[in-house]
Amino acid sequence: MKNEERAHEPHTADPGSLVKRRSPLRTKLVSFGYGVFYRIPPRWRSRMVKLVTARYSVGSVVLIFDSEAAGPERILLLRQPPGRGWTLPAGLLERREAPIMAACREAAEETGIRLTPDQVTPAVPNAVVHHRGHWVDMVFTARVPAARTALSVDGAEVWEARWHALDELPVVTPATARLLGHYGIGPEAHLRDEVDVAR
């Protein structure tokens, strides 16, 4: 796609978005851990998470947009194991961690973008409840200039980070498609209308 920026490859038009890989040893260890975790059947992975989290797991998601996109608006997406679709920067809250701080932390850990709480805005709706999976996503938005923002992925938890035009999104995971749909983005954008009706 013409509007996509490959974060892991040099690109003369967008040098600020080049990805810097982290420590090879750390990458190998984390990659091994994720490899083991994702070999566990999904049902057991879910049980493992529930053993160390509340009945409803709470996570933060941040939708990071390119503040200087010349054409269609662009959003930052990630490719993570097992690689069946693109996702968003997101993760579970740590104990006693505020959702907005978790959003900033996850952005830094997964993309290398360091955001402060005043750069992050609660999305509307701010909370998306996934009843079947028993988790709640606290959703935030942020805007950064893609051309002047360096991206950094660890190669283990996150394989690739890339900017995508909203009208040319790649295949995203089902969970990501549903979440984006609440904000009028992607193939399930009709979900926003259903949320408005429910209100």
Foldseek 3Di string as FASTA:
>chain_A
DVPKDFQPDQDVVFNQAHADADDPVVLVVLQVVVVVLVVPPPVVNLVVVPVPAPQAFEKEFEWEWAPDDPDFIKTKWFQFPPRPFIATQMDTDDPPHDRLVRHQVSCCQAWVDHDDSVQKAQDVVQWDADVVSRYIYGYIYGYDNRSNHYTYHHCRGTNTMMMDGQVGGDGHDPVRQLVVLCVLTDDNVCVVVVVVVVD
